[in-house]
N, C-alpha and C. Protein backbone atom coordinates (compact mmCIF):
# COMPACT_ATOMS: atom_id res chain seq x y z
N MET A 1 100.08 217.93 -10.91
CA MET A 1 99.82 218.86 -12.00
C MET A 1 100.40 218.35 -13.31
N LYS A 2 101.57 217.72 -13.22
CA LYS A 2 102.22 217.23 -14.43
C LYS A 2 101.39 216.13 -15.08
N SER A 3 100.80 215.24 -14.28
CA SER A 3 99.99 214.17 -14.86
C SER A 3 98.70 214.72 -15.47
N ALA A 4 98.18 215.82 -14.91
CA ALA A 4 96.99 216.45 -15.51
C ALA A 4 97.30 216.96 -16.91
N ILE A 5 98.49 217.52 -17.09
CA ILE A 5 98.89 217.99 -18.42
C ILE A 5 99.04 216.80 -19.37
N PHE A 6 99.63 215.70 -18.86
CA PHE A 6 99.79 214.50 -19.67
C PHE A 6 98.44 213.91 -20.09
N ILE A 7 97.40 214.17 -19.32
CA ILE A 7 96.07 213.63 -19.61
C ILE A 7 95.28 214.58 -20.49
N LEU A 8 95.21 215.85 -20.10
CA LEU A 8 94.29 216.79 -20.76
C LEU A 8 94.76 217.30 -22.12
N TRP A 9 96.06 217.54 -22.29
CA TRP A 9 96.52 218.09 -23.57
C TRP A 9 96.36 217.10 -24.72
N PRO A 10 96.86 215.85 -24.62
CA PRO A 10 96.64 214.92 -25.74
C PRO A 10 95.17 214.61 -25.97
N SER A 11 94.39 214.54 -24.88
CA SER A 11 92.97 214.24 -25.06
C SER A 11 92.24 215.41 -25.72
N PHE A 12 92.71 216.65 -25.51
CA PHE A 12 92.13 217.81 -26.19
C PHE A 12 92.35 217.70 -27.69
N ILE A 13 93.56 217.33 -28.08
CA ILE A 13 93.88 217.19 -29.51
C ILE A 13 93.06 216.06 -30.12
N VAL A 14 93.01 214.92 -29.44
CA VAL A 14 92.24 213.78 -29.96
C VAL A 14 90.75 214.10 -29.99
N GLY A 15 90.26 214.83 -28.99
CA GLY A 15 88.85 215.25 -29.00
C GLY A 15 88.53 216.12 -30.20
N GLY A 16 89.42 217.05 -30.53
CA GLY A 16 89.21 217.90 -31.71
C GLY A 16 89.23 217.11 -33.00
N ILE A 17 90.17 216.19 -33.11
CA ILE A 17 90.25 215.36 -34.32
C ILE A 17 89.02 214.46 -34.43
N GLY A 18 88.62 213.88 -33.30
CA GLY A 18 87.43 213.02 -33.30
C GLY A 18 86.17 213.77 -33.71
N GLU A 19 86.04 214.99 -33.22
CA GLU A 19 84.87 215.79 -33.59
C GLU A 19 84.87 216.12 -35.08
N VAL A 20 86.03 216.51 -35.61
CA VAL A 20 86.12 216.82 -37.04
C VAL A 20 85.76 215.61 -37.87
N LEU A 21 86.29 214.46 -37.51
CA LEU A 21 85.98 213.25 -38.28
C LEU A 21 84.51 212.87 -38.18
N PHE A 22 83.93 212.97 -36.99
CA PHE A 22 82.52 212.61 -36.81
C PHE A 22 81.60 213.54 -37.58
N PHE A 23 81.82 214.85 -37.45
CA PHE A 23 80.92 215.81 -38.09
C PHE A 23 81.25 216.02 -39.57
N THR A 24 82.31 215.42 -40.07
CA THR A 24 82.52 215.39 -41.51
C THR A 24 81.52 214.42 -42.15
N VAL A 25 81.19 213.39 -41.41
CA VAL A 25 80.28 212.36 -41.93
C VAL A 25 78.82 212.68 -41.61
N PHE A 26 78.55 213.21 -40.41
CA PHE A 26 77.17 213.43 -39.95
C PHE A 26 76.88 214.92 -39.81
N ASP A 27 75.68 215.30 -40.27
CA ASP A 27 75.21 216.68 -40.13
C ASP A 27 74.51 216.80 -38.77
N PRO A 28 74.83 217.83 -37.97
CA PRO A 28 74.21 217.96 -36.65
C PRO A 28 72.68 218.09 -36.69
N LYS A 29 72.13 218.65 -37.74
CA LYS A 29 70.68 218.79 -37.84
C LYS A 29 69.98 217.47 -38.18
N GLU A 30 70.73 216.46 -38.61
CA GLU A 30 70.14 215.17 -38.95
C GLU A 30 70.32 214.13 -37.85
N LEU A 31 70.84 214.53 -36.70
CA LEU A 31 71.03 213.60 -35.59
C LEU A 31 69.72 213.44 -34.81
N TYR A 32 69.46 212.24 -34.37
CA TYR A 32 68.27 211.94 -33.59
C TYR A 32 68.66 211.45 -32.21
N LEU A 33 67.92 211.89 -31.19
CA LEU A 33 68.15 211.48 -29.82
C LEU A 33 66.89 210.79 -29.31
N PHE A 34 66.99 209.51 -29.03
CA PHE A 34 65.87 208.69 -28.58
C PHE A 34 64.71 208.72 -29.59
N GLY A 35 65.05 208.68 -30.86
CA GLY A 35 64.05 208.59 -31.91
C GLY A 35 63.45 209.91 -32.35
N GLU A 36 63.86 211.02 -31.76
CA GLU A 36 63.33 212.33 -32.14
C GLU A 36 64.47 213.26 -32.53
N ALA A 37 64.18 214.15 -33.46
CA ALA A 37 65.19 215.10 -33.92
C ALA A 37 65.57 216.04 -32.77
N THR A 38 66.83 216.40 -32.70
CA THR A 38 67.26 217.32 -31.64
C THR A 38 66.82 218.74 -31.97
N SER A 39 66.47 219.48 -30.93
CA SER A 39 66.04 220.87 -31.13
C SER A 39 67.19 221.83 -30.83
N LEU A 40 68.40 221.31 -30.72
CA LEU A 40 69.56 222.13 -30.41
C LEU A 40 70.13 222.76 -31.69
N SER A 41 70.80 223.88 -31.51
CA SER A 41 71.45 224.52 -32.65
C SER A 41 72.69 223.72 -33.06
N ARG A 42 73.19 224.01 -34.24
CA ARG A 42 74.41 223.34 -34.72
C ARG A 42 75.58 223.58 -33.77
N LEU A 43 75.72 224.81 -33.30
CA LEU A 43 76.82 225.15 -32.40
C LEU A 43 76.73 224.35 -31.10
N ALA A 44 75.53 224.18 -30.58
CA ALA A 44 75.35 223.40 -29.35
C ALA A 44 75.72 221.94 -29.59
N VAL A 45 75.33 221.38 -30.72
CA VAL A 45 75.66 219.99 -31.03
C VAL A 45 77.16 219.83 -31.23
N TYR A 46 77.79 220.79 -31.90
CA TYR A 46 79.25 220.75 -32.07
C TYR A 46 79.95 220.81 -30.70
N SER A 47 79.48 221.69 -29.83
CA SER A 47 80.08 221.84 -28.51
C SER A 47 79.93 220.58 -27.67
N ILE A 48 78.73 220.03 -27.63
CA ILE A 48 78.49 218.80 -26.87
C ILE A 48 79.31 217.66 -27.44
N GLY A 49 79.38 217.58 -28.77
CA GLY A 49 80.18 216.53 -29.41
C GLY A 49 81.65 216.64 -29.07
N PHE A 50 82.17 217.87 -29.06
CA PHE A 50 83.57 218.07 -28.71
C PHE A 50 83.84 217.65 -27.27
N PHE A 51 83.00 218.10 -26.35
CA PHE A 51 83.24 217.77 -24.94
C PHE A 51 83.07 216.28 -24.67
N LEU A 52 82.19 215.61 -25.38
CA LEU A 52 82.08 214.15 -25.23
C LEU A 52 83.32 213.45 -25.77
N CYS A 53 83.80 213.86 -26.94
CA CYS A 53 85.04 213.29 -27.48
C CYS A 53 86.21 213.55 -26.55
N TRP A 54 86.27 214.76 -26.00
CA TRP A 54 87.35 215.11 -25.09
C TRP A 54 87.28 214.28 -23.81
N ALA A 55 86.07 214.07 -23.29
CA ALA A 55 85.90 213.29 -22.07
C ALA A 55 86.32 211.83 -22.28
N PHE A 56 85.92 211.25 -23.41
CA PHE A 56 86.32 209.86 -23.68
C PHE A 56 87.84 209.74 -23.86
N ALA A 57 88.43 210.70 -24.55
CA ALA A 57 89.88 210.67 -24.74
C ALA A 57 90.60 210.91 -23.41
N ALA A 58 90.06 211.79 -22.56
CA ALA A 58 90.68 212.04 -21.26
C ALA A 58 90.58 210.81 -20.37
N ALA A 59 89.46 210.10 -20.43
CA ALA A 59 89.33 208.86 -19.65
C ALA A 59 90.36 207.84 -20.11
N SER A 60 90.56 207.74 -21.40
CA SER A 60 91.55 206.82 -21.93
C SER A 60 92.96 207.20 -21.50
N SER A 61 93.28 208.49 -21.58
CA SER A 61 94.61 208.95 -21.16
C SER A 61 94.81 208.77 -19.66
N ALA A 62 93.78 209.03 -18.87
CA ALA A 62 93.89 208.85 -17.42
C ALA A 62 94.12 207.40 -17.06
N LEU A 63 93.45 206.50 -17.75
CA LEU A 63 93.66 205.08 -17.51
C LEU A 63 95.08 204.68 -17.88
N THR A 64 95.61 205.23 -18.95
CA THR A 64 96.98 204.94 -19.35
C THR A 64 97.97 205.43 -18.30
N VAL A 65 97.78 206.65 -17.80
CA VAL A 65 98.67 207.18 -16.76
C VAL A 65 98.55 206.35 -15.49
N PHE A 66 97.35 205.96 -15.13
CA PHE A 66 97.14 205.15 -13.93
C PHE A 66 97.82 203.79 -14.04
N LEU A 67 97.70 203.16 -15.18
CA LEU A 67 98.27 201.82 -15.35
C LEU A 67 99.77 201.84 -15.61
N SER A 68 100.35 202.99 -15.92
CA SER A 68 101.78 203.04 -16.20
C SER A 68 102.62 203.33 -14.96
N ARG A 69 101.99 203.39 -13.80
CA ARG A 69 102.74 203.63 -12.56
C ARG A 69 103.61 202.42 -12.24
N PRO A 70 104.81 202.65 -11.71
CA PRO A 70 105.68 201.52 -11.34
C PRO A 70 105.13 200.80 -10.10
N ALA A 71 105.56 199.57 -9.91
CA ALA A 71 105.06 198.73 -8.81
C ALA A 71 105.38 199.35 -7.46
N ARG A 72 106.54 199.99 -7.33
CA ARG A 72 106.92 200.62 -6.05
C ARG A 72 105.92 201.68 -5.65
N GLU A 73 105.45 202.44 -6.61
CA GLU A 73 104.49 203.50 -6.31
C GLU A 73 103.12 202.94 -5.96
N VAL A 74 102.74 201.85 -6.56
CA VAL A 74 101.44 201.24 -6.29
C VAL A 74 101.42 200.62 -4.89
N ASP A 75 102.54 200.04 -4.45
CA ASP A 75 102.60 199.35 -3.17
C ASP A 75 102.65 200.27 -1.96
N ARG A 76 102.79 201.57 -2.14
CA ARG A 76 102.84 202.50 -1.01
C ARG A 76 101.54 202.54 -0.26
């Protein structure tokens, strides 16, 4: 449980910051998916963008926690 907190909380913060920075530059209504304009609402695009940023940040944090284990723990 402790490692889940170490992974999810910082990645939540980074996901929020990443979303703010991305959508400061790009308007959700001007995004194209496979060459066609998205038919999703702004709120849906913001939500999907946040969860994608959060997932990438969580993957990065999980990899950091995984690689920071001591050798004794890995050899078990």
